[in-house]
């Protein structure tokens, strides 16, 4: 049975369950930073009994982690598992939900390619069929496009500098989290690991782009960055995304910005930016294959429908997030120019040749 050790300290998961987090969703207490750190150190060290680990994950889900706990988990992940490779470019980091999308087209690859064509380098990172959804993520669309995805870290950084768009694959830069795959799969529900893996930032970018269902989660993420000891980006842009992904949803949409410690939120109406349609209009039958076909057609300028409009707006957010456009409207103009003048298509060609 796990106990206090010279390696880990005084807080095995079983004791945390008994004395802190395991008394139920209403009476459970929050952990201290040191307790949360030790807990995740033990988890990454494969120390807890599988039953105890499952109970701990579930108790955290009931209780809901606060930013200090999430920051402690993320700091331990960065210190003990993440191996970064920083490109010369300063990209926008896109760490969408690794467990993917089931219904709507994944627009982030196309949006990143278009933004890169406009001069904004972009990094995406994901795993492969990560629990719980095990659905379509960045890797699967890139695979369908014939772009290499199982790159080592140095190759991922080189891809950013060579093309403007880079992909980092979780097994190559975050092996400790990858090693938890089977246990996460057995849980059947999302855990805090699904949150912290998206914050891994393998390219050490200064700008993070993410999404949320509810604004309170965006505030929790920015507060997590503020609490972290291993890093803090200069700017975080988050918006209400389809299926929890970093594809902005059509219609009335909340946006959250965090810059140098200051948080603000506001609303936009996407029809004002050309997205005059509903979420259902972006649904597809085969998410990886259809998303790849849509990407090819839009970046080549061969498609001018609602998918093209949605991709342009998503690219505009990436351009704006990095500060390459002062307004979202300016970013949208740059995105459309990158499609019209062939710059976006050239990025996709370069990715396929890399």
Protein backbone atom coordinates (compact mmCIF):
# COMPACT_ATOMS: atom_id res chain seq x y z
CA UNK A 1 0.00 0.00 0.00
CA UNK A 2 1.22 3.50 -0.82
CA UNK A 3 2.67 5.36 2.13
CA UNK A 4 4.96 8.25 2.96
CA UNK A 5 8.27 7.79 1.22
CA UNK A 6 11.52 9.64 0.82
CA UNK A 7 10.74 9.85 -2.90
CA UNK A 8 7.28 11.37 -2.69
CA UNK A 9 6.47 12.67 0.79
CA UNK A 10 3.56 12.31 3.18
CA UNK A 11 0.49 12.37 0.94
CA UNK A 12 -0.23 9.13 -0.92
CA UNK A 13 -3.46 9.24 -2.89
CA UNK A 14 -5.25 7.01 -0.40
CA UNK A 15 -4.58 9.50 2.40
CA UNK A 16 -5.67 12.41 0.19
CA UNK A 17 -8.90 10.54 -0.50
CA UNK A 18 -9.55 9.92 3.19
CA UNK A 19 -8.57 13.31 4.56
CA UNK A 20 -9.05 15.85 1.75
CA UNK A 21 -10.77 15.19 -1.57
CA UNK A 22 -12.73 11.97 -1.14
CA UNK A 23 -15.69 12.90 1.03
CA UNK A 24 -18.05 13.77 -1.81
CA UNK A 25 -18.79 16.70 -4.12
CA UNK A 26 -20.21 18.96 -1.38
CA UNK A 27 -17.89 18.35 1.56
CA UNK A 28 -14.56 17.67 -0.15
CA UNK A 29 -11.74 20.14 0.48
CA UNK A 30 -9.22 21.58 -1.94
CA UNK A 31 -5.64 20.38 -1.85
CA UNK A 32 -2.68 22.59 -1.17
CA UNK A 33 -0.23 23.14 -4.00
CA UNK A 34 2.24 20.75 -2.38
CA UNK A 35 -0.39 18.06 -1.98
CA UNK A 36 -1.49 18.36 -5.60
CA UNK A 37 2.11 18.33 -6.78
CA UNK A 38 2.89 15.18 -4.84
CA UNK A 39 -0.27 13.50 -6.07
CA UNK A 40 0.64 14.01 -9.73
CA UNK A 41 4.26 13.06 -9.13
CA UNK A 42 3.02 9.76 -7.75
CA UNK A 43 0.66 9.30 -10.71
CA UNK A 44 3.36 9.97 -13.30
CA UNK A 45 5.63 7.62 -11.34
CA UNK A 46 3.04 4.82 -11.69
CA UNK A 47 2.94 4.50 -7.91
CA UNK A 48 -0.78 4.41 -6.99
CA UNK A 49 -2.85 1.25 -7.02
CA UNK A 50 -5.17 1.39 -10.09
CA UNK A 51 -8.29 1.38 -7.91
CA UNK A 52 -6.99 4.23 -5.77
CA UNK A 53 -5.99 6.20 -8.86
CA UNK A 54 -9.43 5.80 -10.39
CA UNK A 55 -11.08 6.91 -7.16
CA UNK A 56 -8.78 9.94 -6.94
CA UNK A 57 -9.54 10.99 -10.50
CA UNK A 58 -13.26 10.63 -9.89
CA UNK A 59 -13.09 12.55 -6.61
CA UNK A 60 -11.31 15.40 -8.41
CA UNK A 61 -14.06 15.37 -11.03
CA UNK A 62 -16.77 15.57 -8.35
CA UNK A 63 -14.97 18.26 -6.40
CA UNK A 64 -13.80 20.28 -9.41
CA UNK A 65 -10.20 21.38 -9.34
CA UNK A 66 -9.33 24.97 -8.57
CA UNK A 67 -6.63 26.88 -10.49
CA UNK A 68 -3.97 26.25 -7.83
CA UNK A 69 -4.45 22.48 -8.13
CA UNK A 70 -4.49 22.58 -11.93
CA UNK A 71 -1.36 24.75 -11.92
CA UNK A 72 0.39 22.26 -9.64
CA UNK A 73 -0.57 19.37 -11.91
CA UNK A 74 0.59 21.27 -14.99
CA UNK A 75 3.88 22.30 -13.37
CA UNK A 76 4.65 18.68 -12.49
CA UNK A 77 3.74 17.57 -16.02
CA UNK A 78 6.04 20.20 -17.54
CA UNK A 79 8.89 19.42 -15.14
CA UNK A 80 8.74 15.64 -15.29
CA UNK A 81 7.15 14.68 -18.59
CA UNK A 82 7.14 17.42 -21.23
CA UNK A 83 10.21 17.73 -23.45
CA UNK A 84 10.00 20.88 -25.51
CA UNK A 85 11.58 21.90 -28.79
CA UNK A 86 11.30 25.63 -29.39
CA UNK A 87 11.29 26.86 -32.99
CA UNK A 88 12.92 30.12 -34.01
CA UNK A 89 9.46 31.43 -34.89
CA UNK A 90 7.17 32.54 -32.07
CA UNK A 91 3.98 30.64 -32.83
CA UNK A 92 0.44 30.63 -31.50
CA UNK A 93 -0.04 27.48 -29.41
CA UNK A 94 -3.27 25.59 -30.21
CA UNK A 95 -3.87 22.81 -27.71
CA UNK A 96 -7.43 21.77 -28.47
CA UNK A 97 -9.10 18.91 -26.62
CA UNK A 98 -7.03 15.83 -27.37
CA UNK A 99 -10.07 13.52 -27.29
CA UNK A 100 -11.34 15.13 -30.46
CA UNK A 101 -14.56 15.91 -32.31
CA UNK A 102 -17.32 13.53 -33.36
CA UNK A 103 -19.70 15.52 -35.54
CA UNK A 104 -18.46 18.78 -37.02
CA UNK A 105 -15.59 19.37 -39.41
CA UNK A 106 -12.26 20.04 -37.73
CA UNK A 107 -11.30 23.48 -39.01
CA UNK A 108 -8.13 24.09 -37.00
CA UNK A 109 -5.72 22.59 -39.55
CA UNK A 110 -7.08 24.76 -42.35
CA UNK A 111 -7.23 27.80 -40.07
CA UNK A 112 -3.62 27.26 -39.01
CA UNK A 113 -2.47 26.83 -42.61
CA UNK A 114 -4.27 30.02 -43.66
CA UNK A 115 -2.87 31.95 -40.70
CA UNK A 116 0.61 30.69 -41.56
CA UNK A 117 0.07 31.85 -45.12
CA UNK A 118 -0.72 35.29 -43.71
CA UNK A 119 2.52 35.32 -41.73
CA UNK A 120 1.32 34.04 -38.34
CA UNK A 121 3.15 30.85 -37.32
CA UNK A 122 0.90 28.29 -35.61
CA UNK A 123 1.56 25.15 -33.58
CA UNK A 124 -0.99 22.40 -32.97
CA UNK A 125 -0.52 19.43 -30.68
CA UNK A 126 -2.62 16.36 -29.97
CA UNK A 127 -2.60 12.66 -29.30
CA UNK A 128 -4.22 9.78 -31.15
CA UNK A 129 -7.75 8.64 -30.18
CA UNK A 130 -7.37 9.90 -26.63
CA UNK A 131 -10.07 8.92 -24.08
CA UNK A 132 -12.86 9.66 -23.59
CA UNK A 133 -14.19 10.51 -27.05
CA UNK A 134 -11.36 8.86 -29.01
CA UNK A 135 -12.54 11.05 -31.85
CA UNK A 136 -10.94 13.14 -34.61
CA UNK A 137 -8.09 15.42 -33.54
CA UNK A 138 -5.44 17.42 -35.38
CA UNK A 139 -3.33 14.34 -36.10
CA UNK A 140 -6.06 12.56 -38.03
CA UNK A 141 -6.81 15.42 -40.42
CA UNK A 142 -3.10 15.92 -41.08
CA UNK A 143 -2.72 12.19 -41.75
CA UNK A 144 -5.55 12.36 -44.29
CA UNK A 145 -3.78 15.28 -45.97
CA UNK A 146 -0.56 13.33 -46.32
CA UNK A 147 1.33 15.44 -43.78
CA UNK A 148 3.78 13.64 -41.48
CA UNK A 149 2.61 13.64 -37.88
CA UNK A 150 4.76 11.12 -35.99
CA UNK A 151 7.70 13.49 -35.76
CA UNK A 152 10.31 13.77 -33.10
CA UNK A 153 10.40 17.05 -31.22
CA UNK A 154 13.23 18.60 -33.23
CA UNK A 155 11.41 17.80 -36.48
CA UNK A 156 8.25 19.44 -35.16
CA UNK A 157 10.16 22.63 -34.39
CA UNK A 158 11.81 22.51 -37.83
CA UNK A 159 8.38 22.09 -39.42
CA UNK A 160 7.24 25.36 -37.84
CA UNK A 161 10.25 27.25 -39.13
CA UNK A 162 10.12 25.66 -42.58
CA UNK A 163 6.39 26.00 -43.25
CA UNK A 164 4.81 28.32 -40.67
CA UNK A 165 2.69 25.49 -39.26
CA UNK A 166 3.92 22.79 -36.90
CA UNK A 167 2.48 19.66 -35.34
CA UNK A 168 3.69 18.12 -32.08
CA UNK A 169 2.61 14.54 -31.29
CA UNK A 170 1.95 13.73 -27.65
CA UNK A 171 3.87 10.42 -27.45
CA UNK A 172 6.98 12.26 -28.66
CA UNK A 173 6.91 15.25 -26.31
CA UNK A 174 4.80 14.14 -23.33
CA UNK A 175 5.54 10.48 -22.71
CA UNK A 176 4.43 10.52 -19.08
CA UNK A 177 0.89 11.50 -20.05
CA UNK A 178 0.91 9.02 -22.91
CA UNK A 179 1.78 6.27 -20.43
CA UNK A 180 -1.50 6.95 -18.60
CA UNK A 181 -3.56 6.08 -21.69
CA UNK A 182 -4.83 2.67 -20.58
CA UNK A 183 -5.84 3.82 -17.12
CA UNK A 184 -7.63 6.85 -18.54
CA UNK A 185 -9.39 4.57 -21.00
CA UNK A 186 -10.64 2.39 -18.17
CA UNK A 187 -12.12 5.42 -16.37
CA UNK A 188 -14.71 6.07 -19.06
CA UNK A 189 -15.00 9.77 -18.10
CA UNK A 190 -12.81 12.83 -18.54
CA UNK A 191 -10.31 13.61 -15.80
CA UNK A 192 -8.15 16.63 -15.02
CA UNK A 193 -5.52 15.09 -17.31
CA UNK A 194 -7.73 16.04 -20.26
CA UNK A 195 -7.35 19.67 -19.18
CA UNK A 196 -3.67 19.85 -18.33
CA UNK A 197 -2.44 18.00 -21.42
CA UNK A 198 -3.80 20.81 -23.61
CA UNK A 199 -1.59 23.27 -21.68
CA UNK A 200 1.64 21.38 -22.35
CA UNK A 201 2.94 24.05 -24.79
CA UNK A 202 5.65 21.92 -26.45
CA UNK A 203 6.92 24.82 -28.59
CA UNK A 204 7.22 27.16 -25.58
CA UNK A 205 4.92 29.66 -27.29
CA UNK A 206 3.99 33.01 -25.75
CA UNK A 207 0.39 32.92 -26.99
CA UNK A 208 -2.19 30.24 -26.18
CA UNK A 209 -5.45 29.79 -28.08
CA UNK A 210 -8.16 27.61 -26.58
CA UNK A 211 -11.88 27.15 -26.18
CA UNK A 212 -14.58 26.66 -23.56
CA UNK A 213 -18.21 25.69 -23.12
CA UNK A 214 -18.79 28.15 -20.26
CA UNK A 215 -16.93 31.38 -19.54
CA UNK A 216 -16.09 30.20 -16.01
CA UNK A 217 -13.80 27.58 -17.52
CA UNK A 218 -11.90 30.20 -19.52
CA UNK A 219 -11.35 32.17 -16.33
CA UNK A 220 -10.17 29.00 -14.59
CA UNK A 221 -7.63 28.34 -17.37
CA UNK A 222 -6.23 31.87 -17.29
CA UNK A 223 -6.06 31.74 -13.48
CA UNK A 224 -4.21 28.43 -13.86
CA UNK A 225 -1.64 30.10 -16.09
CA UNK A 226 -1.29 32.87 -13.51
CA UNK A 227 -0.68 30.28 -10.76
CA UNK A 228 1.83 28.20 -12.73
CA UNK A 229 5.50 28.35 -11.80
CA UNK A 230 6.92 26.74 -14.95
CA UNK A 231 5.49 29.20 -17.46
CA UNK A 232 3.00 31.94 -18.13
CA UNK A 233 2.17 33.05 -21.67
CA UNK A 234 1.93 36.72 -22.49
CA UNK A 235 -1.54 36.32 -23.94
CA UNK A 236 -4.40 33.82 -23.89
CA UNK A 237 -7.37 33.97 -26.26
CA UNK A 238 -10.28 31.61 -25.68
CA UNK A 239 -13.73 31.40 -27.26
CA UNK A 240 -16.81 29.21 -27.22
CA UNK A 241 -15.86 26.37 -29.53
CA UNK A 242 -17.84 23.69 -31.28
CA UNK A 243 -17.73 20.39 -29.39
CA UNK A 244 -15.33 22.02 -26.95
CA UNK A 245 -12.74 22.34 -29.71
CA UNK A 246 -10.82 25.40 -30.91
CA UNK A 247 -13.21 25.96 -33.82
CA UNK A 248 -15.37 28.97 -33.02
CA UNK A 249 -19.08 28.29 -33.04
CA UNK A 250 -21.42 30.31 -35.26
CA UNK A 251 -23.75 32.90 -33.79
CA UNK A 252 -23.63 34.79 -30.51
CA UNK A 253 -20.28 33.82 -29.02
CA UNK A 254 -18.32 34.72 -25.93
CA UNK A 255 -14.61 35.53 -26.20
CA UNK A 256 -12.16 35.77 -23.30
CA UNK A 257 -8.79 37.52 -23.43
CA UNK A 258 -6.04 37.42 -20.83
CA UNK A 259 -3.02 39.64 -21.34
CA UNK A 260 -0.29 40.38 -18.80
CA UNK A 261 -2.57 39.27 -15.98
CA UNK A 262 -5.64 41.26 -17.04
CA UNK A 263 -8.80 39.34 -17.95
CA UNK A 264 -11.68 40.62 -20.05
CA UNK A 265 -14.58 39.00 -21.85
CA UNK A 266 -16.93 40.21 -24.56
CA UNK A 267 -19.45 38.94 -27.08
CA UNK A 268 -19.28 38.80 -30.84
CA UNK A 269 -21.88 37.96 -33.47
CA UNK A 270 -20.14 35.79 -36.05
CA UNK A 271 -22.55 36.80 -38.88
CA UNK A 272 -20.81 40.18 -38.72
CA UNK A 273 -17.64 38.33 -39.83
CA UNK A 274 -19.24 36.27 -42.58
CA UNK A 275 -20.40 33.25 -40.55
CA UNK A 276 -24.12 33.54 -41.38
CA UNK A 277 -25.12 29.94 -40.69
CA UNK A 278 -25.73 27.45 -37.87
CA UNK A 279 -23.52 24.85 -36.19
CA UNK A 280 -25.42 22.10 -37.98
CA UNK A 281 -24.16 23.47 -41.30
CA UNK A 282 -20.62 22.50 -40.30
CA UNK A 283 -21.43 18.86 -39.54
CA UNK A 284 -19.90 16.15 -41.74
CA UNK A 285 -20.22 12.38 -42.08
CA UNK A 286 -16.55 11.36 -41.85
CA UNK A 287 -14.76 13.95 -39.72
CA UNK A 288 -11.11 13.17 -40.63
CA UNK A 289 -11.64 12.57 -44.36
CA UNK A 290 -14.22 15.30 -44.91
CA UNK A 291 -12.18 17.81 -42.90
CA UNK A 292 -9.14 17.06 -45.06
CA UNK A 293 -11.10 17.52 -48.28
CA UNK A 294 -12.56 20.79 -47.02
CA UNK A 295 -9.09 21.98 -46.00
CA UNK A 296 -7.66 21.24 -49.44
CA UNK A 297 -10.45 23.01 -51.28
CA UNK A 298 -10.57 26.09 -49.06
CA UNK A 299 -6.84 26.80 -48.95
CA UNK A 300 -6.69 26.38 -52.73
CA UNK A 301 -9.45 28.96 -53.14
CA UNK A 302 -11.74 26.36 -54.76
CA UNK A 303 -14.47 26.59 -52.15
CA UNK A 304 -16.34 29.74 -51.14
CA UNK A 305 -19.15 28.37 -49.00
CA UNK A 306 -19.84 28.41 -45.26
CA UNK A 307 -16.81 26.20 -44.57
CA UNK A 308 -14.57 28.77 -46.26
CA UNK A 309 -16.12 31.54 -44.18
CA UNK A 310 -15.68 29.59 -40.94
CA UNK A 311 -12.06 28.79 -41.71
CA UNK A 312 -11.29 32.42 -42.51
CA UNK A 313 -12.75 33.57 -39.17
CA UNK A 314 -10.83 30.90 -37.26
CA UNK A 315 -7.62 31.91 -39.04
CA UNK A 316 -8.38 35.53 -38.16
CA UNK A 317 -8.52 34.62 -34.47
CA UNK A 318 -5.05 33.07 -34.70
CA UNK A 319 -3.68 36.13 -36.48
CA UNK A 320 -5.30 38.45 -33.95
CA UNK A 321 -4.20 36.34 -30.98
CA UNK A 322 -0.53 36.75 -31.89
CA UNK A 323 -0.94 40.48 -32.39
CA UNK A 324 -0.37 40.35 -36.14
CA UNK A 325 -3.64 42.23 -36.58
CA UNK A 326 -5.00 44.93 -34.31
CA UNK A 327 -8.60 43.81 -34.75
CA UNK A 328 -10.41 40.66 -35.72
CA UNK A 329 -11.63 42.44 -38.84
CA UNK A 330 -8.03 43.14 -39.88
CA UNK A 331 -7.17 39.51 -39.23
CA UNK A 332 -10.05 38.40 -41.42
CA UNK A 333 -8.77 40.57 -44.28
CA UNK A 334 -5.31 39.03 -43.94
CA UNK A 335 -6.75 35.51 -43.88
CA UNK A 336 -8.75 36.05 -47.04
CA UNK A 337 -5.74 37.61 -48.77
CA UNK A 338 -3.63 34.54 -47.90
CA UNK A 339 -6.19 32.33 -49.63
CA UNK A 340 -6.64 34.60 -52.64
CA UNK A 341 -2.94 35.09 -53.37
CA UNK A 342 -1.98 31.41 -52.99
CA UNK A 343 0.05 31.82 -49.79
CA UNK A 344 -2.15 29.37 -47.85
CA UNK A 345 -1.94 26.75 -50.60
CA UNK A 346 1.85 27.12 -50.60
CA UNK A 347 1.95 26.35 -46.86
CA UNK A 348 0.00 23.13 -47.38
CA UNK A 349 2.35 22.17 -50.24
CA UNK A 350 5.34 22.79 -47.97
CA UNK A 351 3.79 20.68 -45.20
CA UNK A 352 3.27 17.76 -47.54
CA UNK A 353 6.84 18.04 -48.78
CA UNK A 354 8.37 18.33 -45.29
